[in-house]
């Protein structure tokens, strides 16, 4: 499954990238893995990174509102 980036390029979906971002926002390893699994399950080919971000934030919020705010507040490049 490929992800559509802001610059319109694509790359393969990476659970490890999403897990790393969740951990940086303060999620436990367990929550980060749950988030990655749920996002992967709902994702589709050429899903945008912004849609992945929204799905991740909604899932993190179910477990840890502080980490969800940190993830949402992280500056994108």
PDB file of N, CA and C in Angstrom:
ATOM      1  N   UNK A   1       0.853  -1.170   0.000  1.00  0.00           N
ATOM      2  CA  UNK A   1       0.000   0.000   0.000  1.00  0.00           C
ATOM      3  C   UNK A   1       0.899   1.234   0.000  1.00  0.00           C
ATOM      4  N   UNK A   2       0.588   2.183  -0.846  1.00  0.00           N
ATOM      5  CA  UNK A   2       1.366   3.412  -0.948  1.00  0.00           C
ATOM      6  C   UNK A   2       0.643   4.579  -0.287  1.00  0.00           C
ATOM      7  N   UNK A   3       1.453   5.514   0.200  1.00  0.00           N
ATOM      8  CA  UNK A   3       0.972   6.719   0.863  1.00  0.00           C
ATOM      9  C   UNK A   3       1.272   7.902  -0.046  1.00  0.00           C
ATOM     10  N   UNK A   4       0.309   8.791  -0.198  1.00  0.00           N
ATOM     11  CA  UNK A   4       0.477   9.995  -1.001  1.00  0.00           C
ATOM     12  C   UNK A   4       0.946  11.120  -0.090  1.00  0.00           C
ATOM     13  N   UNK A   5       2.155  11.614  -0.358  1.00  0.00           N
ATOM     14  CA  UNK A   5       2.735  12.664   0.468  1.00  0.00           C
ATOM     15  C   UNK A   5       2.295  14.048  -0.013  1.00  0.00           C
ATOM     16  N   UNK A   6       2.585  15.065   0.796  1.00  0.00           N
ATOM     17  CA  UNK A   6       2.161  16.426   0.456  1.00  0.00           C
ATOM     18  C   UNK A   6       2.738  16.920  -0.864  1.00  0.00           C
ATOM     19  N   UNK A   7       3.941  16.470  -1.200  1.00  0.00           N
ATOM     20  CA  UNK A   7       4.551  16.908  -2.457  1.00  0.00           C
ATOM     21  C   UNK A   7       4.078  16.076  -3.652  1.00  0.00           C
ATOM     22  N   UNK A   8       3.068  15.243  -3.433  1.00  0.00           N
ATOM     23  CA  UNK A   8       2.423  14.387  -4.427  1.00  0.00           C
ATOM     24  C   UNK A   8       3.242  13.139  -4.787  1.00  0.00           C
ATOM     25  N   UNK A   9       4.378  12.947  -4.131  1.00  0.00           N
ATOM     26  CA  UNK A   9       5.129  11.708  -4.339  1.00  0.00           C
ATOM     27  C   UNK A   9       4.490  10.612  -3.485  1.00  0.00           C
ATOM     28  N   UNK A  10       4.868   9.380  -3.741  1.00  0.00           N
ATOM     29  CA  UNK A  10       4.327   8.271  -2.961  1.00  0.00           C
ATOM     30  C   UNK A  10       5.464   7.465  -2.355  1.00  0.00           C
ATOM     31  N   UNK A  11       5.140   6.792  -1.270  1.00  0.00           N
ATOM     32  CA  UNK A  11       6.076   5.854  -0.657  1.00  0.00           C
ATOM     33  C   UNK A  11       5.256   4.783   0.035  1.00  0.00           C
ATOM     34  N   UNK A  12       5.887   3.668   0.313  1.00  0.00           N
ATOM     35  CA  UNK A  12       5.197   2.554   0.962  1.00  0.00           C
ATOM     36  C   UNK A  12       4.791   2.941   2.379  1.00  0.00           C
ATOM     37  N   UNK A  13       3.613   2.477   2.801  1.00  0.00           N
ATOM     38  CA  UNK A  13       3.157   2.703   4.166  1.00  0.00           C
ATOM     39  C   UNK A  13       4.156   2.063   5.116  1.00  0.00           C
ATOM     40  N   UNK A  14       4.513   2.770   6.179  1.00  0.00           N
ATOM     41  CA  UNK A  14       5.491   2.275   7.139  1.00  0.00           C
ATOM     42  C   UNK A  14       4.911   2.305   8.546  1.00  0.00           C
ATOM     43  N   UNK A  15       4.593   1.130   9.063  1.00  0.00           N
ATOM     44  CA  UNK A  15       4.106   1.046  10.439  1.00  0.00           C
ATOM     45  C   UNK A  15       5.172   1.534  11.406  1.00  0.00           C
ATOM     46  N   UNK A  16       6.428   1.210  11.128  1.00  0.00           N
ATOM     47  CA  UNK A  16       7.502   1.599  12.045  1.00  0.00           C
ATOM     48  C   UNK A  16       7.640   3.116  12.130  1.00  0.00           C
ATOM     49  N   UNK A  17       7.395   3.816  11.041  1.00  0.00           N
ATOM     50  CA  UNK A  17       7.447   5.278  11.045  1.00  0.00           C
ATOM     51  C   UNK A  17       6.332   5.846  11.927  1.00  0.00           C
ATOM     52  N   UNK A  18       5.153   5.269  11.810  1.00  0.00           N
ATOM     53  CA  UNK A  18       4.018   5.717  12.611  1.00  0.00           C
ATOM     54  C   UNK A  18       4.240   5.393  14.086  1.00  0.00           C
ATOM     55  N   UNK A  19       4.760   4.215  14.384  1.00  0.00           N
ATOM     56  CA  UNK A  19       5.059   3.828  15.766  1.00  0.00           C
ATOM     57  C   UNK A  19       6.080   4.790  16.361  1.00  0.00           C
ATOM     58  N   UNK A  20       7.117   5.100  15.608  1.00  0.00           N
ATOM     59  CA  UNK A  20       8.151   6.025  16.082  1.00  0.00           C
ATOM     60  C   UNK A  20       7.553   7.398  16.397  1.00  0.00           C
ATOM     61  N   UNK A  21       6.682   7.893  15.531  1.00  0.00           N
ATOM     62  CA  UNK A  21       6.035   9.184  15.768  1.00  0.00           C
ATOM     63  C   UNK A  21       5.146   9.166  16.998  1.00  0.00           C
ATOM     64  N   UNK A  22       4.432   8.075  17.196  1.00  0.00           N
ATOM     65  CA  UNK A  22       3.577   7.944  18.380  1.00  0.00           C
ATOM     66  C   UNK A  22       4.407   7.951  19.655  1.00  0.00           C
ATOM     67  N   UNK A  23       5.513   7.217  19.638  1.00  0.00           N
ATOM     68  CA  UNK A  23       6.387   7.163  20.818  1.00  0.00           C
ATOM     69  C   UNK A  23       6.977   8.538  21.118  1.00  0.00           C
ATOM     70  N   UNK A  24       7.358   9.257  20.089  1.00  0.00           N
ATOM     71  CA  UNK A  24       7.902  10.611  20.288  1.00  0.00           C
ATOM     72  C   UNK A  24       6.867  11.542  20.910  1.00  0.00           C
ATOM     73  N   UNK A  25       5.600  11.261  20.647  1.00  0.00           N
ATOM     74  CA  UNK A  25       4.519  12.075  21.216  1.00  0.00           C
ATOM     75  C   UNK A  25       4.191  11.654  22.645  1.00  0.00           C
ATOM     76  N   UNK A  26       4.791  10.554  23.114  1.00  0.00           N
ATOM     77  CA  UNK A  26       4.578  10.136  24.491  1.00  0.00           C
ATOM     78  C   UNK A  26       3.768   8.866  24.669  1.00  0.00           C
ATOM     79  N   UNK A  27       3.379   8.225  23.597  1.00  0.00           N
ATOM     80  CA  UNK A  27       2.619   6.973  23.691  1.00  0.00           C
ATOM     81  C   UNK A  27       3.520   5.845  24.179  1.00  0.00           C
ATOM     82  N   UNK A  28       2.927   4.908  24.874  1.00  0.00           N
ATOM     83  CA  UNK A  28       3.654   3.693  25.229  1.00  0.00           C
ATOM     84  C   UNK A  28       3.841   2.859  23.966  1.00  0.00           C
ATOM     85  N   UNK A  29       4.736   1.899  24.035  1.00  0.00           N
ATOM     86  CA  UNK A  29       4.949   1.007  22.888  1.00  0.00           C
ATOM     87  C   UNK A  29       3.675   0.274  22.521  1.00  0.00           C
ATOM     88  N   UNK A  30       2.936  -0.147  23.533  1.00  0.00           N
ATOM     89  CA  UNK A  30       1.692  -0.879  23.295  1.00  0.00           C
ATOM     90  C   UNK A  30       0.687  -0.022  22.542  1.00  0.00           C
ATOM     91  N   UNK A  31       0.477   1.196  23.004  1.00  0.00           N
ATOM     92  CA  UNK A  31      -0.474   2.095  22.344  1.00  0.00           C
ATOM     93  C   UNK A  31       0.013   2.426  20.937  1.00  0.00           C
ATOM     94  N   UNK A  32       1.296   2.664  20.777  1.00  0.00           N
ATOM     95  CA  UNK A  32       1.841   2.983  19.455  1.00  0.00           C
ATOM     96  C   UNK A  32       1.586   1.847  18.464  1.00  0.00           C
ATOM     97  N   UNK A  33       1.747   0.618  18.914  1.00  0.00           N
ATOM     98  CA  UNK A  33       1.502  -0.537  18.036  1.00  0.00           C
ATOM     99  C   UNK A  33       0.019  -0.679  17.707  1.00  0.00           C
ATOM    100  N   UNK A  34      -0.841  -0.395  18.673  1.00  0.00           N
ATOM    101  CA  UNK A  34      -2.292  -0.432  18.428  1.00  0.00           C
ATOM    102  C   UNK A  34      -2.666   0.621  17.389  1.00  0.00           C
ATOM    103  N   UNK A  35      -2.124   1.818  17.545  1.00  0.00           N
ATOM    104  CA  UNK A  35      -2.402   2.908  16.602  1.00  0.00           C
ATOM    105  C   UNK A  35      -1.980   2.500  15.191  1.00  0.00           C
ATOM    106  N   UNK A  36      -0.771   1.988  15.061  1.00  0.00           N
ATOM    107  CA  UNK A  36      -0.275   1.588  13.739  1.00  0.00           C
ATOM    108  C   UNK A  36      -1.151   0.500  13.122  1.00  0.00           C
ATOM    109  N   UNK A  37      -1.566  -0.464  13.933  1.00  0.00           N
ATOM    110  CA  UNK A  37      -2.409  -1.554  13.419  1.00  0.00           C
ATOM    111  C   UNK A  37      -3.770  -1.038  12.969  1.00  0.00           C
ATOM    112  N   UNK A  38      -4.365  -0.144  13.756  1.00  0.00           N
ATOM    113  CA  UNK A  38      -5.683   0.394  13.392  1.00  0.00           C
ATOM    114  C   UNK A  38      -5.611   1.280  12.154  1.00  0.00           C
ATOM    115  N   UNK A  39      -4.577   2.084  12.072  1.00  0.00           N
ATOM    116  CA  UNK A  39      -4.425   2.944  10.894  1.00  0.00           C
ATOM    117  C   UNK A  39      -4.203   2.076   9.661  1.00  0.00           C
ATOM    118  N   UNK A  40      -3.340   1.080   9.766  1.00  0.00           N
ATOM    119  CA  UNK A  40      -3.081   0.192   8.621  1.00  0.00           C
ATOM    120  C   UNK A  40      -4.363  -0.504   8.174  1.00  0.00           C
ATOM    121  N   UNK A  41      -5.187  -0.908   9.128  1.00  0.00           N
ATOM    122  CA  UNK A  41      -6.435  -1.603   8.804  1.00  0.00           C
ATOM    123  C   UNK A  41      -7.404  -0.695   8.043  1.00  0.00           C
ATOM    124  N   UNK A  42      -7.418   0.585   8.368  1.00  0.00           N
ATOM    125  CA  UNK A  42      -8.351   1.527   7.742  1.00  0.00           C
ATOM    126  C   UNK A  42      -7.762   2.220   6.516  1.00  0.00           C
ATOM    127  N   UNK A  43      -6.484   2.063   6.299  1.00  0.00           N
ATOM    128  CA  UNK A  43      -5.818   2.738   5.183  1.00  0.00           C
ATOM    129  C   UNK A  43      -6.132   2.043   3.861  1.00  0.00           C
ATOM    130  N   UNK A  44      -5.877   2.746   2.794  1.00  0.00           N
ATOM    131  CA  UNK A  44      -6.098   2.243   1.441  1.00  0.00           C
ATOM    132  C   UNK A  44      -4.976   2.781   0.563  1.00  0.00           C
ATOM    133  N   UNK A  45      -4.820   2.222  -0.607  1.00  0.00           N
ATOM    134  CA  UNK A  45      -3.740   2.643  -1.486  1.00  0.00           C
ATOM    135  C   UNK A  45      -3.882   4.123  -1.838  1.00  0.00           C
ATOM    136  N   UNK A  46      -2.765   4.837  -1.745  1.00  0.00           N
ATOM    137  CA  UNK A  46      -2.678   6.271  -2.025  1.00  0.00           C
ATOM    138  C   UNK A  46      -3.436   7.131  -1.009  1.00  0.00           C
ATOM    139  N   UNK A  47      -3.571   6.644   0.211  1.00  0.00           N
ATOM    140  CA  UNK A  47      -4.130   7.460   1.287  1.00  0.00           C
ATOM    141  C   UNK A  47      -3.154   8.605   1.550  1.00  0.00           C
ATOM    142  N   UNK A  48      -3.678   9.775   1.849  1.00  0.00           N
ATOM    143  CA  UNK A  48      -2.808  10.929   2.086  1.00  0.00           C
ATOM    144  C   UNK A  48      -2.212  10.867   3.495  1.00  0.00           C
ATOM    145  N   UNK A  49      -1.060  11.498   3.636  1.00  0.00           N
ATOM    146  CA  UNK A  49      -0.433  11.541   4.952  1.00  0.00           C
ATOM    147  C   UNK A  49      -1.305  12.317   5.938  1.00  0.00           C
ATOM    148  N   UNK A  50      -2.050  13.310   5.462  1.00  0.00           N
ATOM    149  CA  UNK A  50      -2.930  14.060   6.364  1.00  0.00           C
ATOM    150  C   UNK A  50      -4.067  13.180   6.879  1.00  0.00           C
ATOM    151  N   UNK A  51      -4.566  12.282   6.049  1.00  0.00           N
ATOM    152  CA  UNK A  51      -5.618  11.358   6.487  1.00  0.00           C
ATOM    153  C   UNK A  51      -5.048  10.359   7.504  1.00  0.00           C
ATOM    154  N   UNK A  52      -3.841   9.884   7.260  1.00  0.00           N
ATOM    155  CA  UNK A  52      -3.186   8.989   8.224  1.00  0.00           C
ATOM    156  C   UNK A  52      -3.032   9.703   9.556  1.00  0.00           C
ATOM    157  N   UNK A  53      -2.618  10.955   9.486  1.00  0.00           N
ATOM    158  CA  UNK A  53      -2.428  11.757  10.701  1.00  0.00           C
ATOM    159  C   UNK A  53      -3.740  11.878  11.479  1.00  0.00           C
ATOM    160  N   UNK A  54      -4.839  12.161  10.783  1.00  0.00           N
ATOM    161  CA  UNK A  54      -6.143  12.293  11.445  1.00  0.00           C
ATOM    162  C   UNK A  54      -6.575  10.978  12.085  1.00  0.00           C
ATOM    163  N   UNK A  55      -6.377   9.871  11.375  1.00  0.00           N
ATOM    164  CA  UNK A  55      -6.721   8.561  11.930  1.00  0.00           C
ATOM    165  C   UNK A  55      -5.873   8.257  13.162  1.00  0.00           C
ATOM    166  N   UNK A  56      -4.589   8.578  13.086  1.00  0.00           N
ATOM    167  CA  UNK A  56      -3.689   8.324  14.208  1.00  0.00           C
ATOM    168  C   UNK A  56      -4.087   9.154  15.425  1.00  0.00           C
ATOM    169  N   UNK A  57      -4.365  10.424  15.226  1.00  0.00           N
ATOM    170  CA  UNK A  57      -4.747  11.298  16.339  1.00  0.00           C
ATOM    171  C   UNK A  57      -6.024  10.796  16.999  1.00  0.00           C
ATOM    172  N   UNK A  58      -7.009  10.427  16.201  1.00  0.00           N
ATOM    173  CA  UNK A  58      -8.273   9.924  16.753  1.00  0.00           C
ATOM    174  C   UNK A  58      -8.050   8.656  17.571  1.00  0.00           C
ATOM    175  N   UNK A  59      -7.177   7.786  17.105  1.00  0.00           N
ATOM    176  CA  UNK A  59      -6.906   6.546  17.830  1.00  0.00           C
ATOM    177  C   UNK A  59      -6.108   6.819  19.095  1.00  0.00           C
ATOM    178  N   UNK A  60      -5.084   7.655  19.013  1.00  0.00           N
ATOM    179  CA  UNK A  60      -4.290   7.989  20.202  1.00  0.00           C
ATOM    180  C   UNK A  60      -5.185   8.608  21.266  1.00  0.00           C
ATOM    181  N   UNK A  61      -6.088   9.485  20.845  1.00  0.00           N
ATOM    182  CA  UNK A  61      -6.984  10.176  21.776  1.00  0.00           C
ATOM    183  C   UNK A  61      -7.797   9.193  22.628  1.00  0.00           C
ATOM    184  N   UNK A  62      -8.096   8.018  22.087  1.00  0.00           N
ATOM    185  CA  UNK A  62      -8.857   7.007  22.828  1.00  0.00           C
ATOM    186  C   UNK A  62      -8.076   6.485  24.036  1.00  0.00           C
ATOM    187  N   UNK A  63      -6.747   6.595  23.988  1.00  0.00           N
ATOM    188  CA  UNK A  63      -5.897   6.042  25.036  1.00  0.00           C
ATOM    189  C   UNK A  63      -5.199   7.101  25.876  1.00  0.00           C
ATOM    190  N   UNK A  64      -4.853   8.225  25.270  1.00  0.00           N
ATOM    191  CA  UNK A  64      -4.015   9.207  25.961  1.00  0.00           C
ATOM    192  C   UNK A  64      -4.181  10.581  25.306  1.00  0.00           C
ATOM    193  N   UNK A  65      -4.999  11.422  25.909  1.00  0.00           N
ATOM    194  CA  UNK A  65      -5.289  12.726  25.303  1.00  0.00           C
ATOM    195  C   UNK A  65      -4.051  13.621  25.242  1.00  0.00           C
ATOM    196  N   UNK A  66      -3.166  13.507  26.209  1.00  0.00           N
ATOM    197  CA  UNK A  66      -1.958  14.335  26.203  1.00  0.00           C
ATOM    198  C   UNK A  66      -1.051  13.972  25.023  1.00  0.00           C
ATOM    199  N   UNK A  67      -0.881  12.692  24.801  1.00  0.00           N
ATOM    200  CA  UNK A  67      -0.066  12.256  23.655  1.00  0.00           C
ATOM    201  C   UNK A  67      -0.725  12.635  22.334  1.00  0.00           C
ATOM    202  N   UNK A  68      -2.057  12.596  22.296  1.00  0.00           N
ATOM    203  CA  UNK A  68      -2.773  12.989  21.077  1.00  0.00           C
ATOM    204  C   UNK A  68      -2.509  14.459  20.763  1.00  0.00           C
ATOM    205  N   UNK A  69      -2.509  15.301  21.790  1.00  0.00           N
ATOM    206  CA  UNK A  69      -2.221  16.725  21.580  1.00  0.00           C
ATOM    207  C   UNK A  69      -0.788  16.920  21.110  1.00  0.00           C
ATOM    208  N   UNK A  70       0.134  16.163  21.697  1.00  0.00           N
ATOM    209  CA  UNK A  70       1.542  16.268  21.296  1.00  0.00           C
ATOM    210  C   UNK A  70       1.726  15.816  19.850  1.00  0.00           C
ATOM    211  N   UNK A  71       1.070  14.730  19.470  1.00  0.00           N
ATOM    212  CA  UNK A  71       1.162  14.223  18.097  1.00  0.00           C
ATOM    213  C   UNK A  71       0.566  15.240  17.130  1.00  0.00           C
ATOM    214  N   UNK A  72      -0.572  15.795  17.482  1.00  0.00           N
ATOM    215  CA  UNK A  72      -1.241  16.775  16.621  1.00  0.00           C
ATOM    216  C   UNK A  72      -0.431  18.062  16.502  1.00  0.00           C
ATOM    217  N   UNK A  73       0.295  18.407  17.542  1.00  0.00           N
ATOM    218  CA  UNK A  73       1.049  19.651  17.554  1.00  0.00           C
ATOM    219  C   UNK A  73       2.411  19.568  16.903  1.00  0.00           C
ATOM    220  N   UNK A  74       2.835  18.358  16.551  1.00  0.00           N
ATOM    221  CA  UNK A  74       4.147  18.187  15.927  1.00  0.00           C
ATOM    222  C   UNK A  74       4.163  18.852  14.557  1.00  0.00           C
ATOM    223  N   UNK A  75       5.196  19.647  14.325  1.00  0.00           N
ATOM    224  CA  UNK A  75       5.292  20.355  13.039  1.00  0.00           C
ATOM    225  C   UNK A  75       5.642  19.395  11.920  1.00  0.00           C
ATOM    226  N   UNK A  76       4.928  19.551  10.818  1.00  0.00           N
ATOM    227  CA  UNK A  76       5.187  18.738   9.627  1.00  0.00           C
ATOM    228  C   UNK A  76       6.186  19.469   8.749  1.00  0.00           C
ATOM    229  N   UNK A  77       6.957  18.726   8.006  1.00  0.00           N
ATOM    230  CA  UNK A  77       7.965  19.326   7.102  1.00  0.00           C
ATOM    231  C   UNK A  77       7.372  19.597   5.760  1.00  0.00           C
TER     232      UNK A  77
END
